[in-house]
N, C-alpha and C. Protein backbone atom coordinates (compact mmCIF):
# COMPACT_ATOMS: atom_id res chain seq x y z
N MET A 1 -41.73 -64.83 -37.70
CA MET A 1 -42.67 -64.45 -36.66
C MET A 1 -42.53 -65.46 -35.52
N ARG A 2 -42.41 -64.94 -34.32
CA ARG A 2 -42.32 -65.79 -33.15
C ARG A 2 -43.70 -66.12 -32.63
N VAL A 3 -43.87 -67.36 -32.18
CA VAL A 3 -45.13 -67.82 -31.60
C VAL A 3 -44.80 -68.55 -30.31
N LYS A 4 -45.49 -68.18 -29.25
CA LYS A 4 -45.30 -68.82 -27.95
C LYS A 4 -46.68 -69.21 -27.43
N ILE A 5 -46.82 -70.47 -27.01
CA ILE A 5 -48.09 -70.95 -26.49
C ILE A 5 -47.86 -71.42 -25.06
N GLU A 6 -48.66 -70.85 -24.16
CA GLU A 6 -48.55 -71.20 -22.75
C GLU A 6 -49.87 -71.76 -22.25
N SER A 7 -49.80 -72.73 -21.38
CA SER A 7 -50.96 -73.26 -20.68
C SER A 7 -51.03 -72.48 -19.37
N THR A 8 -52.18 -71.88 -19.08
CA THR A 8 -52.31 -71.03 -17.90
C THR A 8 -53.61 -71.32 -17.18
N GLY A 9 -53.68 -70.83 -15.95
CA GLY A 9 -54.93 -70.90 -15.20
C GLY A 9 -54.97 -72.03 -14.20
N GLY A 10 -56.18 -72.43 -13.86
CA GLY A 10 -56.37 -73.45 -12.84
C GLY A 10 -56.32 -72.80 -11.47
N PHE A 11 -56.64 -73.59 -10.47
CA PHE A 11 -56.66 -73.05 -9.10
C PHE A 11 -55.28 -72.60 -8.65
N ALA A 12 -54.23 -73.28 -9.09
CA ALA A 12 -52.88 -72.92 -8.69
C ALA A 12 -52.30 -71.78 -9.54
N GLY A 13 -52.93 -71.49 -10.66
CA GLY A 13 -52.46 -70.40 -11.52
C GLY A 13 -51.13 -70.68 -12.18
N ILE A 14 -50.85 -71.92 -12.45
CA ILE A 14 -49.57 -72.31 -13.04
C ILE A 14 -49.52 -71.91 -14.51
N GLU A 15 -48.38 -71.37 -14.92
CA GLU A 15 -48.13 -71.03 -16.32
C GLU A 15 -47.00 -71.91 -16.83
N GLN A 16 -47.23 -72.56 -17.96
CA GLN A 16 -46.21 -73.44 -18.52
C GLN A 16 -46.16 -73.24 -20.03
N THR A 17 -44.96 -73.03 -20.58
CA THR A 17 -44.80 -72.92 -22.02
C THR A 17 -44.90 -74.31 -22.62
N VAL A 18 -45.85 -74.49 -23.54
CA VAL A 18 -46.05 -75.80 -24.17
C VAL A 18 -45.52 -75.82 -25.61
N ALA A 19 -45.28 -74.66 -26.19
CA ALA A 19 -44.70 -74.59 -27.53
C ALA A 19 -44.13 -73.19 -27.74
N ALA A 20 -43.02 -73.12 -28.44
CA ALA A 20 -42.41 -71.84 -28.80
C ALA A 20 -41.56 -72.06 -30.04
N TYR A 21 -41.75 -71.24 -31.03
CA TYR A 21 -40.99 -71.37 -32.27
C TYR A 21 -41.05 -70.09 -33.06
N ASP A 22 -40.21 -70.03 -34.08
CA ASP A 22 -40.15 -68.89 -34.99
C ASP A 22 -40.43 -69.42 -36.39
N THR A 23 -41.39 -68.83 -37.07
CA THR A 23 -41.74 -69.33 -38.40
C THR A 23 -40.58 -69.18 -39.39
N ASP A 24 -39.65 -68.28 -39.10
CA ASP A 24 -38.48 -68.13 -39.97
C ASP A 24 -37.60 -69.38 -39.95
N ASP A 25 -37.71 -70.16 -38.88
CA ASP A 25 -36.91 -71.38 -38.74
C ASP A 25 -37.63 -72.62 -39.25
N LEU A 26 -38.89 -72.48 -39.65
CA LEU A 26 -39.68 -73.63 -40.12
C LEU A 26 -39.62 -73.74 -41.64
N PRO A 27 -39.81 -74.97 -42.15
CA PRO A 27 -39.95 -75.12 -43.60
C PRO A 27 -41.17 -74.31 -44.08
N GLU A 28 -41.15 -73.92 -45.32
CA GLU A 28 -42.20 -73.04 -45.87
C GLU A 28 -43.61 -73.60 -45.66
N GLN A 29 -43.79 -74.90 -45.87
CA GLN A 29 -45.11 -75.51 -45.70
C GLN A 29 -45.58 -75.44 -44.25
N GLU A 30 -44.67 -75.69 -43.31
CA GLU A 30 -45.02 -75.63 -41.89
C GLU A 30 -45.34 -74.21 -41.47
N ALA A 31 -44.57 -73.26 -41.95
CA ALA A 31 -44.83 -71.86 -41.63
C ALA A 31 -46.20 -71.43 -42.17
N ALA A 32 -46.55 -71.90 -43.35
CA ALA A 32 -47.86 -71.58 -43.93
C ALA A 32 -48.98 -72.13 -43.06
N LYS A 33 -48.79 -73.31 -42.48
CA LYS A 33 -49.80 -73.89 -41.59
C LYS A 33 -49.98 -73.02 -40.34
N VAL A 34 -48.89 -72.48 -39.84
CA VAL A 34 -48.96 -71.61 -38.67
C VAL A 34 -49.73 -70.34 -39.00
N TYR A 35 -49.41 -69.72 -40.13
CA TYR A 35 -50.12 -68.50 -40.54
C TYR A 35 -51.61 -68.77 -40.73
N ASP A 36 -51.94 -69.91 -41.36
CA ASP A 36 -53.35 -70.27 -41.57
C ASP A 36 -54.07 -70.48 -40.23
N ALA A 37 -53.41 -71.18 -39.31
CA ALA A 37 -54.02 -71.43 -38.00
C ALA A 37 -54.25 -70.13 -37.24
N LEU A 38 -53.27 -69.23 -37.27
CA LEU A 38 -53.42 -67.95 -36.58
C LEU A 38 -54.53 -67.11 -37.20
N SER A 39 -54.67 -67.15 -38.51
CA SER A 39 -55.76 -66.41 -39.17
C SER A 39 -57.10 -66.98 -38.76
N ALA A 40 -57.20 -68.30 -38.67
CA ALA A 40 -58.45 -68.94 -38.27
C ALA A 40 -58.79 -68.60 -36.81
N ILE A 41 -57.79 -68.58 -35.95
CA ILE A 41 -58.02 -68.22 -34.55
C ILE A 41 -58.48 -66.78 -34.43
N GLU A 42 -57.84 -65.89 -35.17
CA GLU A 42 -58.24 -64.47 -35.11
C GLU A 42 -59.69 -64.30 -35.58
N ALA A 43 -60.06 -64.98 -36.66
CA ALA A 43 -61.44 -64.88 -37.17
C ALA A 43 -62.44 -65.47 -36.18
N ALA A 44 -62.12 -66.61 -35.58
CA ALA A 44 -63.03 -67.25 -34.63
C ALA A 44 -63.17 -66.42 -33.36
N MET A 45 -62.08 -65.84 -32.89
CA MET A 45 -62.13 -65.03 -31.68
C MET A 45 -62.98 -63.78 -31.87
N ALA A 46 -63.01 -63.26 -33.09
CA ALA A 46 -63.82 -62.08 -33.37
C ALA A 46 -65.31 -62.39 -33.32
N GLN A 47 -65.66 -63.67 -33.57
CA GLN A 47 -67.08 -64.06 -33.62
C GLN A 47 -67.59 -64.67 -32.33
N GLU A 48 -66.71 -65.33 -31.57
CA GLU A 48 -67.13 -66.03 -30.37
C GLU A 48 -66.49 -65.41 -29.13
N PRO A 49 -67.32 -64.88 -28.22
CA PRO A 49 -66.73 -64.34 -26.99
C PRO A 49 -66.16 -65.48 -26.15
N GLY A 50 -65.05 -65.23 -25.49
CA GLY A 50 -64.43 -66.24 -24.65
C GLY A 50 -65.08 -66.32 -23.29
N GLU A 51 -64.87 -67.45 -22.61
CA GLU A 51 -65.38 -67.61 -21.26
C GLU A 51 -64.54 -66.76 -20.31
N VAL A 52 -65.16 -66.36 -19.23
CA VAL A 52 -64.47 -65.54 -18.25
C VAL A 52 -64.34 -66.35 -16.97
N GLY A 53 -63.17 -66.32 -16.37
CA GLY A 53 -62.96 -67.02 -15.10
C GLY A 53 -61.47 -67.18 -14.86
N ALA A 54 -61.00 -66.66 -13.76
CA ALA A 54 -59.56 -66.69 -13.48
C ALA A 54 -59.04 -68.11 -13.31
N ASP A 55 -59.90 -69.03 -12.87
CA ASP A 55 -59.42 -70.38 -12.61
C ASP A 55 -59.63 -71.34 -13.79
N LEU A 56 -60.12 -70.84 -14.92
CA LEU A 56 -60.29 -71.70 -16.10
C LEU A 56 -58.94 -71.93 -16.77
N MET A 57 -58.70 -73.17 -17.17
CA MET A 57 -57.47 -73.48 -17.90
C MET A 57 -57.60 -72.93 -19.32
N THR A 58 -56.57 -72.25 -19.77
CA THR A 58 -56.56 -71.66 -21.11
C THR A 58 -55.19 -71.82 -21.75
N TYR A 59 -55.16 -71.60 -23.04
CA TYR A 59 -53.90 -71.46 -23.77
C TYR A 59 -53.76 -70.00 -24.13
N ARG A 60 -52.61 -69.42 -23.80
CA ARG A 60 -52.32 -68.05 -24.19
C ARG A 60 -51.32 -68.11 -25.34
N ILE A 61 -51.74 -67.60 -26.49
CA ILE A 61 -50.91 -67.62 -27.69
C ILE A 61 -50.40 -66.21 -27.93
N THR A 62 -49.09 -66.04 -27.85
CA THR A 62 -48.47 -64.74 -28.06
C THR A 62 -47.76 -64.78 -29.42
N VAL A 63 -48.11 -63.83 -30.27
CA VAL A 63 -47.55 -63.77 -31.62
C VAL A 63 -46.71 -62.51 -31.74
N GLY A 64 -45.45 -62.65 -32.10
CA GLY A 64 -44.56 -61.52 -32.24
C GLY A 64 -43.79 -61.25 -30.97
N ASP A 65 -42.98 -60.22 -31.00
CA ASP A 65 -42.16 -59.83 -29.85
C ASP A 65 -42.77 -58.61 -29.19
N GLY A 66 -42.56 -58.51 -27.91
CA GLY A 66 -42.98 -57.31 -27.19
C GLY A 66 -44.47 -57.06 -27.25
N LEU A 67 -44.90 -56.14 -28.09
CA LEU A 67 -46.30 -55.74 -28.17
C LEU A 67 -47.07 -56.53 -29.22
N GLY A 68 -46.72 -57.78 -29.43
CA GLY A 68 -47.42 -58.62 -30.40
C GLY A 68 -48.85 -58.91 -29.96
N LYS A 69 -49.56 -59.65 -30.78
CA LYS A 69 -50.94 -60.01 -30.47
C LYS A 69 -50.95 -61.17 -29.49
N VAL A 70 -51.98 -61.18 -28.64
CA VAL A 70 -52.16 -62.25 -27.68
C VAL A 70 -53.59 -62.76 -27.81
N TYR A 71 -53.72 -64.08 -27.95
CA TYR A 71 -55.03 -64.73 -28.03
C TYR A 71 -55.16 -65.66 -26.84
N THR A 72 -56.34 -65.71 -26.24
CA THR A 72 -56.60 -66.62 -25.14
C THR A 72 -57.67 -67.60 -25.59
N VAL A 73 -57.29 -68.88 -25.62
CA VAL A 73 -58.16 -69.94 -26.11
C VAL A 73 -58.45 -70.88 -24.96
N PRO A 74 -59.72 -71.25 -24.71
CA PRO A 74 -60.01 -72.16 -23.62
C PRO A 74 -59.37 -73.53 -23.84
N GLU A 75 -59.07 -74.22 -22.74
CA GLU A 75 -58.45 -75.54 -22.82
C GLU A 75 -59.35 -76.51 -23.59
N ASP A 76 -60.65 -76.36 -23.46
CA ASP A 76 -61.61 -77.17 -24.20
C ASP A 76 -62.31 -76.24 -25.20
N PRO A 77 -61.63 -75.95 -26.33
CA PRO A 77 -62.12 -74.91 -27.24
C PRO A 77 -63.32 -75.37 -28.08
N PRO A 78 -64.11 -74.42 -28.56
CA PRO A 78 -65.17 -74.75 -29.50
C PRO A 78 -64.55 -75.26 -30.80
N PRO A 79 -65.33 -75.96 -31.63
CA PRO A 79 -64.78 -76.53 -32.87
C PRO A 79 -64.06 -75.53 -33.77
N SER A 80 -64.50 -74.29 -33.79
CA SER A 80 -63.86 -73.30 -34.66
C SER A 80 -62.43 -72.98 -34.22
N LEU A 81 -62.10 -73.27 -32.96
CA LEU A 81 -60.76 -73.00 -32.45
C LEU A 81 -59.94 -74.27 -32.24
N ALA A 82 -60.60 -75.41 -32.14
CA ALA A 82 -59.91 -76.66 -31.83
C ALA A 82 -58.89 -77.04 -32.91
N GLY A 83 -59.29 -77.00 -34.17
CA GLY A 83 -58.40 -77.37 -35.26
C GLY A 83 -57.17 -76.47 -35.36
N PRO A 84 -57.39 -75.15 -35.38
CA PRO A 84 -56.23 -74.25 -35.44
C PRO A 84 -55.31 -74.38 -34.24
N LEU A 85 -55.87 -74.56 -33.04
CA LEU A 85 -55.04 -74.72 -31.85
C LEU A 85 -54.20 -75.99 -31.95
N THR A 86 -54.80 -77.07 -32.40
CA THR A 86 -54.07 -78.32 -32.58
C THR A 86 -52.93 -78.15 -33.58
N ALA A 87 -53.18 -77.43 -34.65
CA ALA A 87 -52.13 -77.20 -35.66
C ALA A 87 -50.96 -76.43 -35.05
N LEU A 88 -51.24 -75.45 -34.20
CA LEU A 88 -50.16 -74.69 -33.58
C LEU A 88 -49.38 -75.52 -32.56
N LEU A 89 -50.07 -76.38 -31.84
CA LEU A 89 -49.41 -77.20 -30.82
C LEU A 89 -48.54 -78.29 -31.45
N ARG A 90 -48.81 -78.66 -32.69
CA ARG A 90 -48.04 -79.71 -33.36
C ARG A 90 -46.72 -79.21 -33.91
N GLN A 91 -46.49 -77.93 -33.95
CA GLN A 91 -45.27 -77.39 -34.54
C GLN A 91 -44.07 -77.69 -33.69
């Protein structure tokens, strides 16, 4: 599974890829951490509505190719998203 994390937003609207990897290329333990983090993000996003604002800095997490899932996490995430986001950024 491919995972791409981009930093987006701000007044200038700059988009920058901060992480990109394929779980098929990771050791089994690392891939499991990615799957766990993505599951936690999906669960947290279902419970907590995100902030709205075009100029807010966010992380856009794209999972899969083409029509994969996309999650938008604020740059300063709530605790339920902070841990999983950190795990994904460490890969």
